[in-house]
C-alpha atoms as a PDB file:
ATOM      1  CA  MET A   1      -9.741  -0.234  -7.485  1.00  0.00           C
ATOM      2  CA  HIS A   2      -6.618  -2.264  -7.747  1.00  0.00           C
ATOM      3  CA  ILE A   3      -3.153  -0.967  -6.420  1.00  0.00           C
ATOM      4  CA  ARG A   4       0.170  -2.656  -6.809  1.00  0.00           C
ATOM      5  CA  ILE A   5       2.312  -2.836  -3.640  1.00  0.00           C
ATOM      6  CA  ARG A   6       6.222  -3.361  -3.684  1.00  0.00           C
ATOM      7  CA  LEU A   7       6.583  -4.772   0.039  1.00  0.00           C
ATOM      8  CA  GLN A   8       9.804  -4.933   2.038  1.00  0.00           C
ATOM      9  CA  PRO A   9       9.322  -7.411   5.081  1.00  0.00           C
ATOM     10  CA  LYS A  10      11.704  -7.395   8.148  1.00  0.00           C
ATOM     11  CA  ALA A  11      12.083  -3.557   7.997  1.00  0.00           C
ATOM     12  CA  SER A  12      12.997  -1.371  10.987  1.00  0.00           C
ATOM     13  CA  ALA A  13       9.279   0.076  11.052  1.00  0.00           C
ATOM     14  CA  ASP A  14       6.012  -0.408   9.340  1.00  0.00           C
ATOM     15  CA  ARG A  15       5.550   2.567   6.805  1.00  0.00           C
ATOM     16  CA  ILE A  16       4.757   3.625   3.338  1.00  0.00           C
ATOM     17  CA  ASP A  17       7.806   4.890   1.600  1.00  0.00           C
ATOM     18  CA  ALA A  18       6.546   6.098  -1.626  1.00  0.00           C
ATOM     19  CA  VAL A  19       3.437   6.307  -3.844  1.00  0.00           C
ATOM     20  CA  GLU A  20       3.769   6.374  -7.725  1.00  0.00           C
ATOM     21  CA  ARG A  21       1.195   6.626 -10.398  1.00  0.00           C
ATOM     22  CA  LEU A  22       2.112   4.392 -13.153  1.00  0.00           C
ATOM     23  CA  PRO A  23       1.704   5.150 -16.716  1.00  0.00           C
ATOM     24  CA  ASP A  24      -1.187   2.692 -17.285  1.00  0.00           C
ATOM     25  CA  GLY A  25      -3.002   4.500 -14.424  1.00  0.00           C
ATOM     26  CA  THR A  26      -2.501   2.044 -11.545  1.00  0.00           C
ATOM     27  CA  TRP A  27      -1.005   2.872  -8.342  1.00  0.00           C
ATOM     28  CA  LEU A  28       2.256   1.560  -7.099  1.00  0.00           C
ATOM     29  CA  ILE A  29       3.031   1.802  -3.271  1.00  0.00           C
ATOM     30  CA  ARG A  30       6.347   1.032  -1.802  1.00  0.00           C
ATOM     31  CA  ALA A  31       5.779  -0.225   1.787  1.00  0.00           C
ATOM     32  CA  LYS A  32       7.821  -1.882   4.631  1.00  0.00           C
ATOM     33  CA  VAL A  33       6.727  -3.984   7.351  1.00  0.00           C
ATOM     34  CA  THR A  34       8.482  -5.354  10.447  1.00  0.00           C
ATOM     35  CA  ALA A  35       6.773  -8.697  10.122  1.00  0.00           C
ATOM     36  CA  VAL A  36       8.628 -11.627   8.826  1.00  0.00           C
ATOM     37  CA  PRO A  37       7.504 -13.105   5.347  1.00  0.00           C
ATOM     38  CA  GLU A  38       6.233 -16.554   7.119  1.00  0.00           C
ATOM     39  CA  LYS A  39       2.860 -18.017   7.385  1.00  0.00           C
ATOM     40  CA  GLY A  40       1.260 -14.749   5.954  1.00  0.00           C
ATOM     41  CA  LYS A  41       2.611 -12.541   8.726  1.00  0.00           C
ATOM     42  CA  ALA A  42       4.004  -9.789   6.250  1.00  0.00           C
ATOM     43  CA  ASN A  43       0.643  -9.761   4.411  1.00  0.00           C
ATOM     44  CA  GLU A  44      -1.340  -9.347   7.537  1.00  0.00           C
ATOM     45  CA  ALA A  45       1.000  -6.514   8.714  1.00  0.00           C
ATOM     46  CA  LEU A  46       0.754  -4.761   5.174  1.00  0.00           C
ATOM     47  CA  ILE A  47      -3.115  -4.979   5.300  1.00  0.00           C
ATOM     48  CA  ALA A  48      -2.977  -3.580   8.942  1.00  0.00           C
ATOM     49  CA  LEU A  49      -0.925  -0.786   7.860  1.00  0.00           C
ATOM     50  CA  LEU A  50      -2.907   0.290   4.847  1.00  0.00           C
ATOM     51  CA  ALA A  51      -6.064   0.054   6.865  1.00  0.00           C
ATOM     52  CA  LYS A  52      -4.544   2.216   9.676  1.00  0.00           C
ATOM     53  CA  GLN A  53      -3.252   4.704   6.942  1.00  0.00           C
ATOM     54  CA  TRP A  54      -6.347   4.994   5.030  1.00  0.00           C
ATOM     55  CA  ARG A  55      -8.689   4.768   7.968  1.00  0.00           C
ATOM     56  CA  ILE A  56     -10.687   1.924   6.495  1.00  0.00           C
ATOM     57  CA  ARG A  57     -11.504  -1.636   7.638  1.00  0.00           C
ATOM     58  CA  LYS A  58      -9.180  -4.171   7.137  1.00  0.00           C
ATOM     59  CA  SER A  59     -11.877  -6.555   5.509  1.00  0.00           C
ATOM     60  CA  GLY A  60     -11.951  -3.861   2.610  1.00  0.00           C
ATOM     61  CA  ILE A  61      -8.414  -4.839   1.583  1.00  0.00           C
ATOM     62  CA  THR A  62      -7.732  -8.104  -0.318  1.00  0.00           C
ATOM     63  CA  ILE A  63      -4.388  -9.400  -1.813  1.00  0.00           C
ATOM     64  CA  ILE A  64      -5.611 -10.724  -5.166  1.00  0.00           C
ATOM     65  CA  LEU A  65      -2.073 -11.374  -6.556  1.00  0.00           C
ATOM     66  CA  GLY A  66       1.350 -11.968  -5.011  1.00  0.00           C
ATOM     67  CA  GLU A  67       0.374 -13.669  -1.638  1.00  0.00           C
ATOM     68  CA  SER A  68       3.985 -15.185  -1.677  1.00  0.00           C
ATOM     69  CA  ASP A  69       5.771 -12.327  -3.594  1.00  0.00           C
ATOM     70  CA  ARG A  70       7.143  -9.003  -2.798  1.00  0.00           C
ATOM     71  CA  ASN A  71       5.172  -7.655  -5.545  1.00  0.00           C
ATOM     72  CA  LYS A  72       1.460  -7.804  -4.838  1.00  0.00           C
ATOM     73  CA  THR A  73      -1.829  -6.441  -6.153  1.00  0.00           C
ATOM     74  CA  ILE A  74      -4.464  -5.459  -3.664  1.00  0.00           C
ATOM     75  CA  GLU A  75      -8.135  -4.697  -4.247  1.00  0.00           C
ATOM     76  CA  ILE A  76     -10.001  -2.131  -2.332  1.00  0.00           C
ATOM     77  CA  THR A  77     -13.836  -2.451  -1.798  1.00  0.00           C
ATOM     78  CA  ASP A  78     -15.689   0.231  -3.679  1.00  0.00           C
ATOM     79  CA  ASP A  79     -17.297   1.871  -0.877  1.00  0.00           C
ATOM     80  CA  LEU A  80     -13.590   2.596   0.499  1.00  0.00           C
ATOM     81  CA  VAL A  81     -11.959   4.058  -2.676  1.00  0.00           C
ATOM     82  CA  ALA A  82     -12.553   7.609  -1.939  1.00  0.00           C
ATOM     83  CA  ALA A  83     -10.528   7.481   1.376  1.00  0.00           C
ATOM     84  CA  VAL A  84      -7.706   5.788  -0.499  1.00  0.00           C
ATOM     85  CA  ILE A  85      -7.594   8.237  -3.322  1.00  0.00           C
ATOM     86  CA  ALA A  86      -7.450  11.235  -1.011  1.00  0.00           C
ATOM     87  CA  ASP A  87      -4.352   9.753   0.721  1.00  0.00           C
ATOM     88  CA  LEU A  88      -2.476   8.751  -2.311  1.00  0.00           C
ATOM     89  CA  GLY A  89      -3.272  12.230  -3.829  1.00  0.00           C
ATOM     90  CA  ARG A  90      -1.752  13.922  -0.966  1.00  0.00           C
ATOM     91  CA  ARG A  91       1.379  11.664  -0.854  1.00  0.00           C
ATOM     92  CA  LEU A  92       1.809  12.330  -4.599  1.00  0.00           C
ATOM     93  CA  ALA A  93       1.568  16.151  -4.027  1.00  0.00           C
ATOM     94  CA  ALA A  94       4.061  15.953  -1.161  1.00  0.00           C
ATOM     95  CA  ALA A  95       6.421  14.050  -3.328  1.00  0.00           C
ATOM     96  CA  ALA A  96       6.262  16.452  -6.081  1.00  0.00           C
ATOM     97  CA  ILE A  97       7.013  19.345  -3.759  1.00  0.00           C
ATOM     98  CA  ALA A  98       9.940  17.560  -2.264  1.00  0.00           C
ATOM     99  CA  GLN A  99      11.403  16.877  -5.757  1.00  0.00           C
ATOM    100  CA  GLN A 100      11.093  20.669  -6.626  1.00  0.00           C
ATOM    101  CA  ALA A 101      12.990  21.499  -3.476  1.00  0.00           C
END
């Protein structure tokens, strides 16, 4: 499973701001980390944030595109996809409810 990330380093907190499903069927996550974008620190913080959020091992997440860019593509190991999809679904449902309010 591939997921696109829009990462903002040097933020005030580590968090996922939004999750969107794009027309091509891929997912886009807007995330923020407090780490600086130097020597891979922001990438490490992103992987740690996603692993904690999805309760999966960090080794199951790989940045396959965008190592030095804000726009990244990550790959999730097949045996971990179910946990990720469940979280993304919950976030999309919450966003839809918030837009209706």
